[in-house]
Amino acid sequence: MYALRERDSLFEFFVLPEYQQKATVIFQQVLDFTKVKYLESQTNVPLMTQMVYEFGKYIYSDVILFEDECETKLQRPELVFRLRQPGEMVFGKPEKETGKYVLLYQNEIVADGGFQTYYNPPFADIYMEVAPAHFRKGYGTYILQEIKKVCYATGKIPAARCDLDNLASRATLHKAGLRPCGYMLTASV
């Protein structure tokens, strides 16, 4: 996604209720002042999405957004979900790219994941990765279920995003109780 690499993007726009009828005029002034090249919006944010459609060119989406729909109750007694220990290797990834939590099967780390909370509170963006040798065994679904529990226990609401063409991750998110709720739009100004 070119806008994320460039970061010359406007991705939030709020107007007080008493000025809503002037949102288009205000937005044009923001564009004139900032001279941003790109617009980004989540389609579940109506005002910014309206501005993307009104002012954007070459609008596209390659990311689908998910919200938590239901609690899953998968039972996998052979799996251990826990915090990753410092210095613990997770299928060859550098430690800074490793999730805070791991999933073990027979004392082997088969998946890792976590959640990020640096934007959009109270939502937590959950993520996971399964070791390639362990694809299609339900480990991704199970670790997401457990990460969702941790999110709720810390007062966060789990959410996720996924590339539109990543059918395996989309299916895993669905099996973990999440459902599509919108798309990330990107446009040139």
N, C-alpha and C. Protein backbone atom coordinates (compact mmCIF):
# COMPACT_ATOMS: atom_id res chain seq x y z
N MET A 1 0.86 -1.17 0.00
CA MET A 1 0.00 0.00 0.00
C MET A 1 0.90 1.23 0.00
N TYR A 2 0.83 2.00 -1.06
CA TYR A 2 1.75 3.12 -1.21
C TYR A 2 1.59 4.18 -0.13
N ALA A 3 0.39 4.45 0.33
CA ALA A 3 0.18 5.51 1.33
C ALA A 3 0.88 5.17 2.64
N LEU A 4 0.89 3.92 3.02
CA LEU A 4 1.54 3.56 4.27
C LEU A 4 3.05 3.74 4.18
N ARG A 5 3.62 3.47 3.01
CA ARG A 5 5.06 3.67 2.85
C ARG A 5 5.38 5.17 2.85
N GLU A 6 4.59 5.93 2.16
CA GLU A 6 4.84 7.37 2.04
C GLU A 6 4.53 8.11 3.33
N ARG A 7 3.45 7.74 4.02
CA ARG A 7 2.96 8.37 5.25
C ARG A 7 2.64 9.84 5.05
N ASP A 8 2.43 10.27 3.83
CA ASP A 8 1.98 11.62 3.55
C ASP A 8 0.47 11.55 3.37
N SER A 9 -0.20 11.10 4.45
CA SER A 9 -1.62 10.77 4.38
C SER A 9 -2.42 11.46 5.46
N LEU A 10 -3.65 11.76 5.12
CA LEU A 10 -4.63 12.23 6.10
C LEU A 10 -5.55 11.05 6.36
N PHE A 11 -5.64 10.62 7.61
CA PHE A 11 -6.43 9.44 7.91
C PHE A 11 -7.45 9.64 9.02
N GLU A 12 -7.54 10.83 9.56
CA GLU A 12 -8.58 11.14 10.54
C GLU A 12 -9.09 12.54 10.29
N PHE A 13 -10.40 12.73 10.50
CA PHE A 13 -11.00 14.03 10.32
C PHE A 13 -12.25 14.07 11.18
N PHE A 14 -12.27 14.99 12.12
CA PHE A 14 -13.41 15.13 13.02
C PHE A 14 -13.91 16.57 12.98
N VAL A 15 -15.22 16.71 13.03
CA VAL A 15 -15.86 18.02 13.04
C VAL A 15 -16.91 18.02 14.14
N LEU A 16 -16.92 19.07 14.95
CA LEU A 16 -17.93 19.17 15.99
C LEU A 16 -19.33 19.16 15.36
N PRO A 17 -20.29 18.58 16.07
CA PRO A 17 -21.65 18.44 15.50
C PRO A 17 -22.23 19.73 14.93
N GLU A 18 -22.00 20.85 15.59
CA GLU A 18 -22.59 22.10 15.10
C GLU A 18 -21.97 22.60 13.79
N TYR A 19 -20.83 21.97 13.36
CA TYR A 19 -20.18 22.36 12.11
C TYR A 19 -20.26 21.27 11.03
N GLN A 20 -21.00 20.21 11.29
CA GLN A 20 -21.08 19.09 10.36
C GLN A 20 -21.50 19.53 8.95
N GLN A 21 -22.44 20.46 8.85
CA GLN A 21 -22.92 20.88 7.54
C GLN A 21 -21.82 21.57 6.72
N LYS A 22 -20.73 21.97 7.37
CA LYS A 22 -19.62 22.63 6.67
C LYS A 22 -18.41 21.70 6.54
N ALA A 23 -18.60 20.42 6.76
CA ALA A 23 -17.49 19.47 6.75
C ALA A 23 -16.72 19.48 5.44
N THR A 24 -17.41 19.55 4.32
CA THR A 24 -16.74 19.54 3.03
C THR A 24 -15.86 20.77 2.84
N VAL A 25 -16.36 21.92 3.22
CA VAL A 25 -15.59 23.16 3.10
C VAL A 25 -14.36 23.11 4.02
N ILE A 26 -14.56 22.66 5.23
CA ILE A 26 -13.46 22.55 6.19
C ILE A 26 -12.42 21.56 5.68
N PHE A 27 -12.88 20.43 5.16
CA PHE A 27 -11.94 19.42 4.66
C PHE A 27 -11.10 19.98 3.52
N GLN A 28 -11.71 20.71 2.62
CA GLN A 28 -10.96 21.32 1.51
C GLN A 28 -9.87 22.25 2.05
N GLN A 29 -10.19 22.99 3.11
CA GLN A 29 -9.19 23.88 3.72
C GLN A 29 -8.06 23.07 4.34
N VAL A 30 -8.39 21.95 4.96
CA VAL A 30 -7.36 21.08 5.54
C VAL A 30 -6.45 20.56 4.43
N LEU A 31 -7.03 20.13 3.32
CA LEU A 31 -6.22 19.65 2.19
C LEU A 31 -5.33 20.76 1.64
N ASP A 32 -5.88 21.95 1.49
CA ASP A 32 -5.09 23.07 0.98
C ASP A 32 -3.93 23.41 1.90
N PHE A 33 -4.16 23.35 3.20
CA PHE A 33 -3.12 23.70 4.17
C PHE A 33 -2.05 22.60 4.27
N THR A 34 -2.47 21.34 4.37
CA THR A 34 -1.52 20.24 4.60
C THR A 34 -0.83 19.78 3.33
N LYS A 35 -1.51 19.89 2.19
CA LYS A 35 -0.98 19.42 0.91
C LYS A 35 -0.64 17.93 0.93
N VAL A 36 -1.41 17.14 1.68
CA VAL A 36 -1.16 15.69 1.72
C VAL A 36 -1.40 15.10 0.33
N LYS A 37 -0.75 13.97 0.07
CA LYS A 37 -0.88 13.30 -1.22
C LYS A 37 -1.94 12.20 -1.19
N TYR A 38 -2.21 11.66 0.01
CA TYR A 38 -3.09 10.50 0.11
C TYR A 38 -4.12 10.67 1.21
N LEU A 39 -5.22 9.96 1.05
CA LEU A 39 -6.26 9.88 2.06
C LEU A 39 -6.44 8.42 2.43
N GLU A 40 -6.69 8.15 3.70
CA GLU A 40 -6.96 6.80 4.17
C GLU A 40 -8.18 6.85 5.06
N SER A 41 -9.01 5.82 4.98
CA SER A 41 -10.19 5.78 5.84
C SER A 41 -10.61 4.35 6.08
N GLN A 42 -11.13 4.12 7.26
CA GLN A 42 -11.82 2.87 7.55
C GLN A 42 -13.28 3.12 7.20
N THR A 43 -13.90 2.23 6.45
CA THR A 43 -15.27 2.47 6.01
C THR A 43 -16.27 2.48 7.15
N ASN A 44 -15.87 2.03 8.33
CA ASN A 44 -16.76 2.11 9.48
C ASN A 44 -16.63 3.45 10.20
N VAL A 45 -15.92 4.40 9.62
CA VAL A 45 -15.82 5.77 10.11
C VAL A 45 -16.47 6.66 9.03
N PRO A 46 -17.76 6.96 9.19
CA PRO A 46 -18.53 7.58 8.10
C PRO A 46 -18.00 8.91 7.56
N LEU A 47 -17.63 9.86 8.41
CA LEU A 47 -17.24 11.17 7.90
C LEU A 47 -15.98 11.11 7.05
N MET A 48 -14.95 10.44 7.54
CA MET A 48 -13.71 10.36 6.77
C MET A 48 -13.94 9.58 5.48
N THR A 49 -14.75 8.53 5.54
CA THR A 49 -15.05 7.76 4.33
C THR A 49 -15.76 8.65 3.31
N GLN A 50 -16.68 9.48 3.76
CA GLN A 50 -17.37 10.41 2.87
C GLN A 50 -16.35 11.35 2.21
N MET A 51 -15.37 11.82 2.97
CA MET A 51 -14.36 12.73 2.43
C MET A 51 -13.47 12.01 1.40
N VAL A 52 -13.16 10.74 1.66
CA VAL A 52 -12.36 9.98 0.69
C VAL A 52 -13.11 9.87 -0.62
N TYR A 53 -14.39 9.55 -0.56
CA TYR A 53 -15.18 9.43 -1.78
C TYR A 53 -15.37 10.78 -2.48
N GLU A 54 -15.44 11.83 -1.72
CA GLU A 54 -15.67 13.15 -2.30
C GLU A 54 -14.39 13.76 -2.89
N PHE A 55 -13.26 13.56 -2.23
CA PHE A 55 -12.03 14.23 -2.64
C PHE A 55 -10.97 13.28 -3.22
N GLY A 56 -11.16 11.99 -3.06
CA GLY A 56 -10.14 11.04 -3.48
C GLY A 56 -10.23 10.63 -4.94
N LYS A 57 -9.09 10.20 -5.46
CA LYS A 57 -8.99 9.64 -6.81
C LYS A 57 -8.32 8.27 -6.67
N TYR A 58 -8.63 7.39 -7.60
CA TYR A 58 -8.01 6.05 -7.61
C TYR A 58 -8.21 5.35 -6.27
N ILE A 59 -9.43 5.34 -5.79
CA ILE A 59 -9.76 4.75 -4.49
C ILE A 59 -9.66 3.23 -4.60
N TYR A 60 -8.99 2.63 -3.64
CA TYR A 60 -8.91 1.18 -3.60
C TYR A 60 -8.80 0.69 -2.16
N SER A 61 -8.99 -0.60 -2.02
CA SER A 61 -8.84 -1.23 -0.71
C SER A 61 -8.13 -2.56 -0.89
N ASP A 62 -7.19 -2.83 -0.02
CA ASP A 62 -6.57 -4.15 0.00
C ASP A 62 -6.55 -4.73 1.41
N VAL A 63 -7.29 -4.07 2.34
CA VAL A 63 -7.33 -4.52 3.72
C VAL A 63 -8.78 -4.59 4.19
N ILE A 64 -9.12 -5.69 4.83
CA ILE A 64 -10.44 -5.87 5.42
C ILE A 64 -10.31 -5.75 6.94
N LEU A 65 -11.29 -5.13 7.57
CA LEU A 65 -11.29 -4.93 9.02
C LEU A 65 -12.24 -5.92 9.68
N PHE A 66 -11.89 -6.37 10.87
CA PHE A 66 -12.69 -7.34 11.61
C PHE A 66 -13.00 -6.81 13.00
N GLU A 67 -14.21 -7.12 13.48
CA GLU A 67 -14.59 -6.84 14.86
C GLU A 67 -14.96 -8.15 15.52
N ASP A 68 -14.88 -8.17 16.85
CA ASP A 68 -15.23 -9.39 17.57
C ASP A 68 -16.74 -9.57 17.54
N GLU A 69 -17.17 -10.76 17.18
CA GLU A 69 -18.60 -11.05 17.09
C GLU A 69 -19.06 -11.97 18.21
N CYS A 70 -18.23 -12.97 18.54
CA CYS A 70 -18.66 -13.92 19.56
C CYS A 70 -17.45 -14.56 20.25
N GLU A 71 -17.72 -15.07 21.42
CA GLU A 71 -16.70 -15.81 22.17
C GLU A 71 -16.66 -17.24 21.66
N THR A 72 -15.46 -17.71 21.37
CA THR A 72 -15.31 -19.11 20.99
C THR A 72 -14.86 -19.88 22.23
N LYS A 73 -15.16 -21.17 22.24
CA LYS A 73 -14.82 -21.99 23.40
C LYS A 73 -14.11 -23.26 22.95
N LEU A 74 -13.08 -23.05 22.15
CA LEU A 74 -12.29 -24.18 21.67
C LEU A 74 -11.53 -24.80 22.83
N GLN A 75 -11.56 -26.09 22.90
CA GLN A 75 -10.82 -26.83 23.93
C GLN A 75 -9.68 -27.57 23.25
N ARG A 76 -8.46 -27.24 23.61
CA ARG A 76 -7.27 -27.88 23.05
C ARG A 76 -6.31 -28.18 24.19
N PRO A 77 -6.58 -29.20 25.00
CA PRO A 77 -5.74 -29.47 26.18
C PRO A 77 -4.29 -29.81 25.83
N GLU A 78 -4.02 -30.18 24.60
CA GLU A 78 -2.65 -30.51 24.20
C GLU A 78 -1.81 -29.26 23.94
N LEU A 79 -2.46 -28.08 23.93
CA LEU A 79 -1.76 -26.83 23.65
C LEU A 79 -1.57 -26.01 24.92
N VAL A 80 -0.45 -25.27 24.97
CA VAL A 80 -0.16 -24.39 26.09
C VAL A 80 -0.02 -22.97 25.55
N PHE A 81 -0.84 -22.07 26.06
CA PHE A 81 -0.77 -20.65 25.72
C PHE A 81 -0.13 -19.93 26.89
N ARG A 82 0.92 -19.13 26.61
CA ARG A 82 1.60 -18.42 27.69
C ARG A 82 2.36 -17.23 27.13
N LEU A 83 2.86 -16.40 28.07
CA LEU A 83 3.74 -15.30 27.69
C LEU A 83 5.04 -15.86 27.12
N ARG A 84 5.57 -15.18 26.12
CA ARG A 84 6.88 -15.56 25.59
C ARG A 84 7.93 -15.16 26.61
N GLN A 85 8.88 -16.02 26.81
CA GLN A 85 9.96 -15.72 27.75
C GLN A 85 11.06 -14.92 27.05
N PRO A 86 11.71 -13.99 27.76
CA PRO A 86 12.77 -13.18 27.14
C PRO A 86 13.84 -14.06 26.52
N GLY A 87 14.24 -13.69 25.30
CA GLY A 87 15.28 -14.43 24.59
C GLY A 87 14.81 -15.71 23.93
N GLU A 88 13.56 -16.07 24.11
CA GLU A 88 13.03 -17.30 23.53
C GLU A 88 12.90 -17.16 22.01
N MET A 89 13.46 -18.11 21.27
CA MET A 89 13.40 -18.07 19.81
C MET A 89 12.03 -18.57 19.34
N VAL A 90 11.47 -17.84 18.40
CA VAL A 90 10.17 -18.21 17.82
C VAL A 90 10.36 -18.40 16.33
N PHE A 91 10.49 -19.64 15.94
CA PHE A 91 10.77 -20.07 14.57
C PHE A 91 11.62 -19.11 13.76
N GLY A 92 12.77 -18.74 14.36
CA GLY A 92 13.80 -17.98 13.66
C GLY A 92 13.57 -16.49 13.49
N LYS A 93 12.51 -15.95 14.05
CA LYS A 93 12.25 -14.52 13.89
C LYS A 93 13.08 -13.73 14.90
N PRO A 94 13.47 -12.50 14.53
CA PRO A 94 14.13 -11.64 15.52
C PRO A 94 13.16 -11.36 16.67
N GLU A 95 13.68 -11.20 17.86
CA GLU A 95 12.83 -11.02 19.05
C GLU A 95 11.89 -9.83 18.91
N LYS A 96 12.35 -8.74 18.28
CA LYS A 96 11.49 -7.56 18.15
C LYS A 96 10.31 -7.79 17.21
N GLU A 97 10.35 -8.85 16.40
CA GLU A 97 9.25 -9.18 15.49
C GLU A 97 8.38 -10.32 16.03
N THR A 98 8.62 -10.69 17.25
CA THR A 98 7.91 -11.81 17.86
C THR A 98 6.81 -11.30 18.77
N GLY A 99 5.69 -12.01 18.76
CA GLY A 99 4.56 -11.63 19.60
C GLY A 99 4.86 -11.82 21.08
N LYS A 100 4.04 -11.22 21.91
CA LYS A 100 4.20 -11.29 23.35
C LYS A 100 3.78 -12.65 23.90
N TYR A 101 2.94 -13.36 23.15
CA TYR A 101 2.41 -14.66 23.59
C TYR A 101 2.81 -15.73 22.60
N VAL A 102 2.93 -16.94 23.13
CA VAL A 102 3.27 -18.09 22.28
C VAL A 102 2.30 -19.23 22.56
N LEU A 103 2.23 -20.11 21.59
CA LEU A 103 1.43 -21.33 21.70
C LEU A 103 2.37 -22.50 21.50
N LEU A 104 2.34 -23.44 22.45
CA LEU A 104 3.21 -24.61 22.39
C LEU A 104 2.42 -25.88 22.17
N TYR A 105 3.00 -26.75 21.38
CA TYR A 105 2.50 -28.11 21.21
C TYR A 105 3.69 -29.03 21.45
N GLN A 106 3.57 -29.90 22.42
CA GLN A 106 4.65 -30.82 22.81
C GLN A 106 5.96 -30.05 23.03
N ASN A 107 5.88 -28.96 23.79
CA ASN A 107 7.02 -28.10 24.15
C ASN A 107 7.67 -27.37 22.98
N GLU A 108 7.04 -27.38 21.82
CA GLU A 108 7.55 -26.65 20.65
C GLU A 108 6.64 -25.45 20.41
N ILE A 109 7.24 -24.28 20.19
CA ILE A 109 6.45 -23.10 19.85
C ILE A 109 5.95 -23.28 18.42
N VAL A 110 4.63 -23.27 18.29
CA VAL A 110 4.02 -23.47 16.97
C VAL A 110 3.34 -22.19 16.46
N ALA A 111 3.14 -21.21 17.34
CA ALA A 111 2.52 -19.94 16.95
C ALA A 111 2.88 -18.87 17.96
N ASP A 112 2.84 -17.63 17.50
CA ASP A 112 3.01 -16.50 18.40
C ASP A 112 2.01 -15.43 18.00
N GLY A 113 1.81 -14.47 18.90
CA GLY A 113 0.87 -13.39 18.59
C GLY A 113 0.79 -12.41 19.73
N GLY A 114 -0.12 -11.48 19.58
CA GLY A 114 -0.31 -10.46 20.60
C GLY A 114 -1.34 -9.46 20.15
N PHE A 115 -1.25 -8.26 20.72
CA PHE A 115 -2.14 -7.19 20.31
C PHE A 115 -1.45 -5.85 20.50
N GLN A 116 -1.83 -4.89 19.67
CA GLN A 116 -1.26 -3.56 19.72
C GLN A 116 -2.35 -2.57 20.13
N THR A 117 -1.98 -1.61 20.96
CA THR A 117 -2.96 -0.66 21.47
C THR A 117 -2.52 0.79 21.29
N TYR A 118 -1.60 1.05 20.38
CA TYR A 118 -1.06 2.39 20.25
C TYR A 118 -1.96 3.34 19.47
N TYR A 119 -3.09 2.87 18.97
CA TYR A 119 -4.03 3.75 18.30
C TYR A 119 -5.45 3.21 18.51
N ASN A 120 -6.42 4.07 18.33
CA ASN A 120 -7.83 3.70 18.32
C ASN A 120 -8.33 3.04 19.61
N PRO A 121 -8.03 3.60 20.79
CA PRO A 121 -8.56 3.01 22.02
C PRO A 121 -10.08 3.06 22.04
N PRO A 122 -10.73 2.11 22.63
CA PRO A 122 -10.25 1.01 23.47
C PRO A 122 -9.97 -0.27 22.69
N PHE A 123 -9.83 -0.16 21.36
CA PHE A 123 -9.63 -1.35 20.54
C PHE A 123 -8.17 -1.81 20.57
N ALA A 124 -8.00 -3.11 20.48
CA ALA A 124 -6.68 -3.72 20.41
C ALA A 124 -6.60 -4.49 19.11
N ASP A 125 -5.59 -4.22 18.31
CA ASP A 125 -5.40 -4.89 17.03
C ASP A 125 -4.66 -6.21 17.28
N ILE A 126 -5.39 -7.32 17.19
CA ILE A 126 -4.79 -8.63 17.48
C ILE A 126 -4.10 -9.18 16.24
N TYR A 127 -3.07 -9.98 16.47
CA TYR A 127 -2.32 -10.58 15.38
C TYR A 127 -1.72 -11.90 15.83
N MET A 128 -1.36 -12.71 14.86
CA MET A 128 -0.70 -13.98 15.17
C MET A 128 0.04 -14.46 13.94
N GLU A 129 0.95 -15.40 14.16
CA GLU A 129 1.66 -16.08 13.08
C GLU A 129 1.86 -17.53 13.51
N VAL A 130 1.63 -18.43 12.58
CA VAL A 130 1.81 -19.86 12.82
C VAL A 130 3.03 -20.31 12.03
N ALA A 131 3.86 -21.14 12.63
CA ALA A 131 5.02 -21.70 11.93
C ALA A 131 4.53 -22.46 10.71
N PRO A 132 5.16 -22.27 9.55
CA PRO A 132 4.69 -22.91 8.32
C PRO A 132 4.50 -24.43 8.44
N ALA A 133 5.33 -25.09 9.21
CA ALA A 133 5.19 -26.54 9.36
C ALA A 133 3.91 -26.92 10.10
N HIS A 134 3.23 -25.93 10.68
CA HIS A 134 2.04 -26.22 11.49
C HIS A 134 0.77 -25.54 10.96
N PHE A 135 0.79 -25.15 9.69
CA PHE A 135 -0.42 -24.59 9.09
C PHE A 135 -1.53 -25.62 9.08
N ARG A 136 -2.78 -25.14 9.10
CA ARG A 136 -3.98 -25.94 8.91
C ARG A 136 -4.21 -26.96 10.04
N LYS A 137 -3.77 -26.61 11.24
CA LYS A 137 -3.99 -27.48 12.40
C LYS A 137 -4.86 -26.80 13.45
N GLY A 138 -5.35 -25.60 13.16
CA GLY A 138 -6.20 -24.88 14.10
C GLY A 138 -5.44 -24.07 15.13
N TYR A 139 -4.12 -23.99 15.02
CA TYR A 139 -3.33 -23.27 16.01
C TYR A 139 -3.57 -21.76 15.95
N GLY A 140 -3.73 -21.23 14.74
CA GLY A 140 -3.99 -19.81 14.60
C GLY A 140 -5.30 -19.41 15.26
N THR A 141 -6.33 -20.21 15.04
CA THR A 141 -7.63 -19.94 15.65
C THR A 141 -7.54 -19.99 17.17
N TYR A 142 -6.84 -20.99 17.67
CA TYR A 142 -6.75 -21.14 19.12
C TYR A 142 -5.97 -19.99 19.77
N ILE A 143 -4.84 -19.61 19.18
CA ILE A 143 -4.07 -18.53 19.81
C ILE A 143 -4.85 -17.21 19.74
N LEU A 144 -5.60 -16.97 18.67
CA LEU A 144 -6.42 -15.76 18.61
C LEU A 144 -7.51 -15.78 19.68
N GLN A 145 -8.12 -16.95 19.91
CA GLN A 145 -9.12 -17.06 20.97
C GLN A 145 -8.53 -16.65 22.31
N GLU A 146 -7.33 -17.14 22.60
CA GLU A 146 -6.69 -16.85 23.88
C GLU A 146 -6.24 -15.38 23.96
N ILE A 147 -5.77 -14.82 22.86
CA ILE A 147 -5.38 -13.41 22.85
C ILE A 147 -6.61 -12.53 23.07
N LYS A 148 -7.74 -12.90 22.48
CA LYS A 148 -8.97 -12.15 22.72
C LYS A 148 -9.31 -12.12 24.21
N LYS A 149 -9.14 -13.23 24.90
CA LYS A 149 -9.41 -13.29 26.34
C LYS A 149 -8.52 -12.30 27.10
N VAL A 150 -7.23 -12.25 26.72
CA VAL A 150 -6.30 -11.33 27.37
C VAL A 150 -6.73 -9.88 27.10
N CYS A 151 -7.15 -9.60 25.88
CA CYS A 151 -7.61 -8.24 25.55
C CYS A 151 -8.74 -7.83 26.47
N TYR A 152 -9.77 -8.66 26.57
CA TYR A 152 -10.91 -8.32 27.42
C TYR A 152 -10.50 -8.19 28.89
N ALA A 153 -9.59 -9.04 29.33
CA ALA A 153 -9.14 -8.98 30.73
C ALA A 153 -8.41 -7.67 31.03
N THR A 154 -7.81 -7.05 30.01
CA THR A 154 -7.10 -5.78 30.21
C THR A 154 -7.96 -4.58 29.81
N GLY A 155 -9.25 -4.80 29.58
CA GLY A 155 -10.16 -3.71 29.26
C GLY A 155 -10.13 -3.26 27.81
N LYS A 156 -9.57 -4.07 26.93
CA LYS A 156 -9.49 -3.75 25.51
C LYS A 156 -10.52 -4.55 24.72
N ILE A 157 -10.89 -4.05 23.56
CA ILE A 157 -11.82 -4.73 22.67
C ILE A 157 -11.02 -5.25 21.47
N PRO A 158 -10.99 -6.56 21.26
CA PRO A 158 -10.19 -7.09 20.15
C PRO A 158 -10.78 -6.73 18.79
N ALA A 159 -9.89 -6.43 17.86
CA ALA A 159 -10.22 -6.14 16.47
C ALA A 159 -9.04 -6.63 15.65
N ALA A 160 -9.21 -6.68 14.34
CA ALA A 160 -8.11 -7.15 13.50
C ALA A 160 -8.25 -6.55 12.10
N ARG A 161 -7.18 -6.65 11.37
CA ARG A 161 -7.17 -6.28 9.96
C ARG A 161 -6.40 -7.35 9.21
N CYS A 162 -6.72 -7.50 7.95
CA CYS A 162 -6.12 -8.59 7.16
C CYS A 162 -6.12 -8.19 5.70
N ASP A 163 -5.09 -8.59 4.96
CA ASP A 163 -5.08 -8.36 3.52
C ASP A 163 -6.27 -9.07 2.89
N LEU A 164 -6.92 -8.40 1.94
CA LEU A 164 -8.09 -8.97 1.28
C LEU A 164 -7.80 -10.31 0.62
N ASP A 165 -6.60 -10.45 0.08
CA ASP A 165 -6.29 -11.69 -0.64
C ASP A 165 -5.74 -12.80 0.25
N ASN A 166 -5.66 -12.59 1.55
CA ASN A 166 -5.15 -13.62 2.46
C ASN A 166 -6.33 -14.44 2.99
N LEU A 167 -6.78 -15.37 2.18
CA LEU A 167 -7.97 -16.15 2.52
C LEU A 167 -7.77 -17.01 3.76
N ALA A 168 -6.57 -17.52 3.97
CA ALA A 168 -6.32 -18.37 5.14
C ALA A 168 -6.47 -17.56 6.43
N SER A 169 -5.90 -16.35 6.47
CA SER A 169 -6.02 -15.51 7.67
C SER A 169 -7.46 -15.06 7.88
N ARG A 170 -8.14 -14.73 6.80
CA ARG A 170 -9.54 -14.34 6.93
C ARG A 170 -10.37 -15.46 7.53
N ALA A 171 -10.14 -16.69 7.08
CA ALA A 171 -10.87 -17.85 7.63
C ALA A 171 -10.52 -18.07 9.09
N THR A 172 -9.25 -17.89 9.44
CA THR A 172 -8.81 -18.06 10.82
C THR A 172 -9.48 -17.03 11.73
N LEU A 173 -9.52 -15.80 11.30
CA LEU A 173 -10.18 -14.75 12.10
C LEU A 173 -11.66 -15.07 12.29
N HIS A 174 -12.30 -15.53 11.23
CA HIS A 174 -13.72 -15.89 11.33
C HIS A 174 -13.92 -17.03 12.33
N LYS A 175 -13.10 -18.06 12.25
CA LYS A 175 -13.22 -19.20 13.17
C LYS A 175 -12.94 -18.79 14.61
N ALA A 176 -12.17 -17.72 14.80
CA ALA A 176 -11.87 -17.23 16.15
C ALA A 176 -12.95 -16.27 16.66
N GLY A 177 -14.04 -16.15 15.92
CA GLY A 177 -15.18 -15.36 16.40
C GLY A 177 -15.21 -13.91 15.95
N LEU A 178 -14.40 -13.56 14.97
CA LEU A 178 -14.42 -12.19 14.44
C LEU A 178 -15.18 -12.17 13.12
N ARG A 179 -15.72 -10.99 12.78
CA ARG A 179 -16.44 -10.87 11.52
C ARG A 179 -16.02 -9.58 10.82
N PRO A 180 -16.12 -9.56 9.49
CA PRO A 180 -15.78 -8.34 8.76
C PRO A 180 -16.69 -7.19 9.17
N CYS A 181 -16.12 -6.00 9.32
CA CYS A 181 -16.91 -4.81 9.69
C CYS A 181 -16.58 -3.60 8.83
N GLY A 182 -15.63 -3.75 7.91
CA GLY A 182 -15.29 -2.62 7.06
C GLY A 182 -14.02 -2.89 6.26
N TYR A 183 -13.58 -1.85 5.57
CA TYR A 183 -12.40 -1.94 4.73
C TYR A 183 -11.54 -0.70 4.95
N MET A 184 -10.26 -0.82 4.71
CA MET A 184 -9.38 0.34 4.70
C MET A 184 -9.35 0.86 3.26
N LEU A 185 -9.73 2.11 3.08
CA LEU A 185 -9.68 2.73 1.77
C LEU A 185 -8.44 3.59 1.69
N THR A 186 -7.84 3.62 0.53
CA THR A 186 -6.71 4.49 0.25
C THR A 186 -7.01 5.20 -1.06
N ALA A 187 -6.66 6.46 -1.14
CA ALA A 187 -6.91 7.24 -2.35
C ALA A 187 -5.83 8.30 -2.51
N SER A 188 -5.60 8.69 -3.74
CA SER A 188 -4.78 9.87 -4.02
C SER A 188 -5.65 11.09 -3.91
N VAL A 189 -5.04 12.23 -3.61
CA VAL A 189 -5.80 13.48 -3.54
C VAL A 189 -5.76 14.12 -4.92
